[in-house]
Amino acid sequence: MLYMIVLLSVTANLGSIYLGYILVYVLHDLCIVCLIVYIINFLLLICNLVMCQRLALGSSKCSADALNAQKLKSN
């Protein structure tokens, strides 16, 4: 589920890059609201990537702790 959120964030950022390109190079204009939306999309991507990384590290740490506990019980 979390990877789907990251995938959607990446897709939103690709769309922002495309729309930003059109805004600057085709229309020769700058829109403050549009730029704020692009920045928010980028920050959401960063937050989602950090959350995904922390959950992945946390789950591997939990499984490593479980393996160590099983080894201690067997000894």
N, C-alpha and C. Protein backbone atom coordinates (compact mmCIF):
# COMPACT_ATOMS: atom_id res chain seq x y z
N MET A 1 0.83 -1.19 0.00
CA MET A 1 0.00 0.00 0.00
C MET A 1 0.87 1.26 0.00
N LEU A 2 1.92 1.20 0.80
CA LEU A 2 2.80 2.37 0.89
C LEU A 2 3.53 2.62 -0.43
N TYR A 3 3.89 1.54 -1.11
CA TYR A 3 4.58 1.71 -2.39
C TYR A 3 3.65 2.34 -3.43
N MET A 4 2.37 2.09 -3.30
CA MET A 4 1.39 2.71 -4.21
C MET A 4 1.35 4.22 -3.97
N ILE A 5 1.45 4.63 -2.70
CA ILE A 5 1.46 6.05 -2.38
C ILE A 5 2.70 6.71 -2.96
N VAL A 6 3.84 6.05 -2.85
CA VAL A 6 5.08 6.59 -3.42
C VAL A 6 4.97 6.67 -4.94
N LEU A 7 4.39 5.65 -5.55
CA LEU A 7 4.21 5.66 -7.01
C LEU A 7 3.31 6.81 -7.44
N LEU A 8 2.25 7.05 -6.70
CA LEU A 8 1.36 8.17 -7.01
C LEU A 8 2.08 9.51 -6.82
N SER A 9 2.93 9.61 -5.81
CA SER A 9 3.69 10.84 -5.60
C SER A 9 4.67 11.08 -6.75
N VAL A 10 5.31 10.03 -7.21
CA VAL A 10 6.24 10.16 -8.34
C VAL A 10 5.47 10.60 -9.58
N THR A 11 4.30 10.01 -9.80
CA THR A 11 3.48 10.38 -10.95
C THR A 11 3.05 11.84 -10.87
N ALA A 12 2.67 12.29 -9.68
CA ALA A 12 2.27 13.69 -9.50
C ALA A 12 3.45 14.62 -9.78
N ASN A 13 4.65 14.22 -9.39
CA ASN A 13 5.81 15.06 -9.65
C ASN A 13 6.18 15.08 -11.12
N LEU A 14 6.01 13.97 -11.80
CA LEU A 14 6.25 13.98 -13.25
C LEU A 14 5.26 14.90 -13.95
N GLY A 15 4.01 14.87 -13.51
CA GLY A 15 3.01 15.79 -14.06
C GLY A 15 3.36 17.23 -13.76
N SER A 16 3.87 17.49 -12.55
CA SER A 16 4.26 18.85 -12.19
C SER A 16 5.42 19.34 -13.05
N ILE A 17 6.36 18.45 -13.31
CA ILE A 17 7.50 18.83 -14.16
C ILE A 17 7.00 19.17 -15.57
N TYR A 18 6.12 18.35 -16.09
CA TYR A 18 5.57 18.60 -17.43
C TYR A 18 4.81 19.92 -17.47
N LEU A 19 3.93 20.13 -16.50
CA LEU A 19 3.15 21.37 -16.48
C LEU A 19 4.04 22.59 -16.23
N GLY A 20 5.08 22.43 -15.41
CA GLY A 20 6.02 23.52 -15.18
C GLY A 20 6.77 23.88 -16.45
N TYR A 21 7.14 22.85 -17.22
CA TYR A 21 7.80 23.10 -18.49
C TYR A 21 6.89 23.89 -19.43
N ILE A 22 5.65 23.47 -19.53
CA ILE A 22 4.70 24.18 -20.39
C ILE A 22 4.51 25.61 -19.92
N LEU A 23 4.41 25.78 -18.61
CA LEU A 23 4.19 27.12 -18.05
C LEU A 23 5.35 28.06 -18.38
N VAL A 24 6.57 27.59 -18.21
CA VAL A 24 7.73 28.47 -18.37
C VAL A 24 8.16 28.60 -19.82
N TYR A 25 8.26 27.47 -20.54
CA TYR A 25 8.86 27.52 -21.88
C TYR A 25 7.86 27.68 -23.01
N VAL A 26 6.63 27.28 -22.81
CA VAL A 26 5.63 27.42 -23.88
C VAL A 26 4.83 28.70 -23.69
N LEU A 27 4.32 28.89 -22.48
CA LEU A 27 3.49 30.07 -22.20
C LEU A 27 4.30 31.30 -21.79
N HIS A 28 5.57 31.08 -21.44
CA HIS A 28 6.46 32.17 -21.00
C HIS A 28 5.82 32.96 -19.87
N ASP A 29 5.39 32.23 -18.83
CA ASP A 29 4.70 32.86 -17.71
C ASP A 29 5.10 32.14 -16.43
N LEU A 30 4.89 32.81 -15.31
CA LEU A 30 5.09 32.20 -14.00
C LEU A 30 3.83 32.40 -13.18
N CYS A 31 3.34 31.33 -12.61
CA CYS A 31 2.14 31.35 -11.79
C CYS A 31 2.54 30.97 -10.37
N ILE A 32 2.33 31.86 -9.43
CA ILE A 32 2.73 31.62 -8.04
C ILE A 32 1.97 30.42 -7.47
N VAL A 33 0.68 30.35 -7.74
CA VAL A 33 -0.12 29.23 -7.22
C VAL A 33 0.38 27.91 -7.79
N CYS A 34 0.68 27.90 -9.07
CA CYS A 34 1.20 26.67 -9.69
C CYS A 34 2.53 26.27 -9.08
N LEU A 35 3.43 27.23 -8.88
CA LEU A 35 4.73 26.93 -8.27
C LEU A 35 4.57 26.38 -6.87
N ILE A 36 3.61 26.91 -6.11
CA ILE A 36 3.37 26.40 -4.75
C ILE A 36 2.88 24.96 -4.81
N VAL A 37 2.01 24.65 -5.76
CA VAL A 37 1.52 23.28 -5.92
C VAL A 37 2.67 22.35 -6.29
N TYR A 38 3.58 22.79 -7.15
CA TYR A 38 4.73 21.97 -7.53
C TYR A 38 5.61 21.69 -6.31
N ILE A 39 5.83 22.71 -5.50
CA ILE A 39 6.65 22.55 -4.30
C ILE A 39 5.98 21.60 -3.31
N ILE A 40 4.67 21.74 -3.13
CA ILE A 40 3.95 20.85 -2.22
C ILE A 40 4.02 19.40 -2.71
N ASN A 41 3.86 19.19 -4.01
CA ASN A 41 3.97 17.84 -4.57
C ASN A 41 5.36 17.26 -4.30
N PHE A 42 6.39 18.07 -4.46
CA PHE A 42 7.75 17.60 -4.20
C PHE A 42 7.95 17.26 -2.73
N LEU A 43 7.45 18.12 -1.84
CA LEU A 43 7.59 17.85 -0.40
C LEU A 43 6.83 16.60 0.01
N LEU A 44 5.66 16.37 -0.59
CA LEU A 44 4.91 15.14 -0.31
C LEU A 44 5.69 13.91 -0.77
N LEU A 45 6.35 14.01 -1.90
CA LEU A 45 7.17 12.90 -2.38
C LEU A 45 8.29 12.60 -1.39
N ILE A 46 8.98 13.63 -0.93
CA ILE A 46 10.06 13.44 0.04
C ILE A 46 9.53 12.80 1.32
N CYS A 47 8.41 13.31 1.82
CA CYS A 47 7.81 12.75 3.04
C CYS A 47 7.44 11.28 2.85
N ASN A 48 6.86 10.96 1.71
CA ASN A 48 6.47 9.57 1.45
C ASN A 48 7.67 8.66 1.33
N LEU A 49 8.74 9.14 0.70
CA LEU A 49 9.95 8.33 0.57
C LEU A 49 10.59 8.08 1.94
N VAL A 50 10.63 9.11 2.77
CA VAL A 50 11.19 8.96 4.12
C VAL A 50 10.34 7.99 4.94
N MET A 51 9.02 8.12 4.85
CA MET A 51 8.13 7.24 5.59
C MET A 51 8.30 5.80 5.12
N CYS A 52 8.41 5.60 3.84
CA CYS A 52 8.59 4.26 3.28
C CYS A 52 9.91 3.66 3.75
N GLN A 53 10.96 4.47 3.74
CA GLN A 53 12.27 3.98 4.17
C GLN A 53 12.26 3.64 5.65
N ARG A 54 11.64 4.47 6.46
CA ARG A 54 11.59 4.19 7.90
C ARG A 54 10.79 2.94 8.20
N LEU A 55 9.68 2.75 7.50
CA LEU A 55 8.89 1.55 7.73
C LEU A 55 9.64 0.31 7.26
N ALA A 56 10.36 0.42 6.16
CA ALA A 56 11.13 -0.72 5.67
C ALA A 56 12.24 -1.07 6.65
N LEU A 57 12.92 -0.07 7.18
CA LEU A 57 13.98 -0.33 8.16
C LEU A 57 13.40 -0.86 9.46
N GLY A 58 12.26 -0.33 9.85
CA GLY A 58 11.63 -0.78 11.09
C GLY A 58 11.17 -2.21 11.00
N SER A 59 10.61 -2.61 9.87
CA SER A 59 10.15 -3.99 9.74
C SER A 59 11.32 -4.96 9.69
N SER A 60 12.41 -4.58 9.05
CA SER A 60 13.58 -5.47 9.02
C SER A 60 14.22 -5.53 10.40
N LYS A 61 14.19 -4.43 11.13
CA LYS A 61 14.73 -4.44 12.49
C LYS A 61 13.88 -5.34 13.38
N CYS A 62 12.57 -5.25 13.20
CA CYS A 62 11.68 -6.09 14.00
C CYS A 62 11.92 -7.56 13.69
N SER A 63 12.08 -7.90 12.44
CA SER A 63 12.31 -9.31 12.09
C SER A 63 13.67 -9.77 12.60
N ALA A 64 14.67 -8.89 12.58
CA ALA A 64 15.98 -9.25 13.11
C ALA A 64 15.90 -9.46 14.61
N ASP A 65 15.14 -8.64 15.30
CA ASP A 65 14.96 -8.81 16.74
C ASP A 65 14.23 -10.12 17.05
N ALA A 66 13.26 -10.47 16.22
CA ALA A 66 12.54 -11.73 16.41
C ALA A 66 13.47 -12.91 16.20
N LEU A 67 14.34 -12.85 15.21
CA LEU A 67 15.30 -13.94 14.98
C LEU A 67 16.27 -14.07 16.14
N ASN A 68 16.74 -12.94 16.66
CA ASN A 68 17.65 -12.99 17.80
C ASN A 68 16.97 -13.56 19.02
N ALA A 69 15.71 -13.22 19.23
CA ALA A 69 14.96 -13.76 20.37
C ALA A 69 14.79 -15.27 20.24
N GLN A 70 14.54 -15.75 19.01
CA GLN A 70 14.40 -17.18 18.80
C GLN A 70 15.72 -17.90 19.04
N LYS A 71 16.83 -17.29 18.64
CA LYS A 71 18.13 -17.90 18.88
C LYS A 71 18.42 -17.99 20.36
N LEU A 72 18.08 -16.95 21.12
CA LEU A 72 18.31 -16.96 22.55
C LEU A 72 17.46 -18.02 23.24
N LYS A 73 16.22 -18.20 22.78
CA LYS A 73 15.34 -19.21 23.37
C LYS A 73 15.87 -20.62 23.11
N SER A 74 16.42 -20.83 21.93
CA SER A 74 16.91 -22.17 21.58
C SER A 74 18.17 -22.52 22.34
N ASN A 75 18.94 -21.52 22.74
CA ASN A 75 20.18 -21.79 23.50
C ASN A 75 19.82 -21.98 24.92
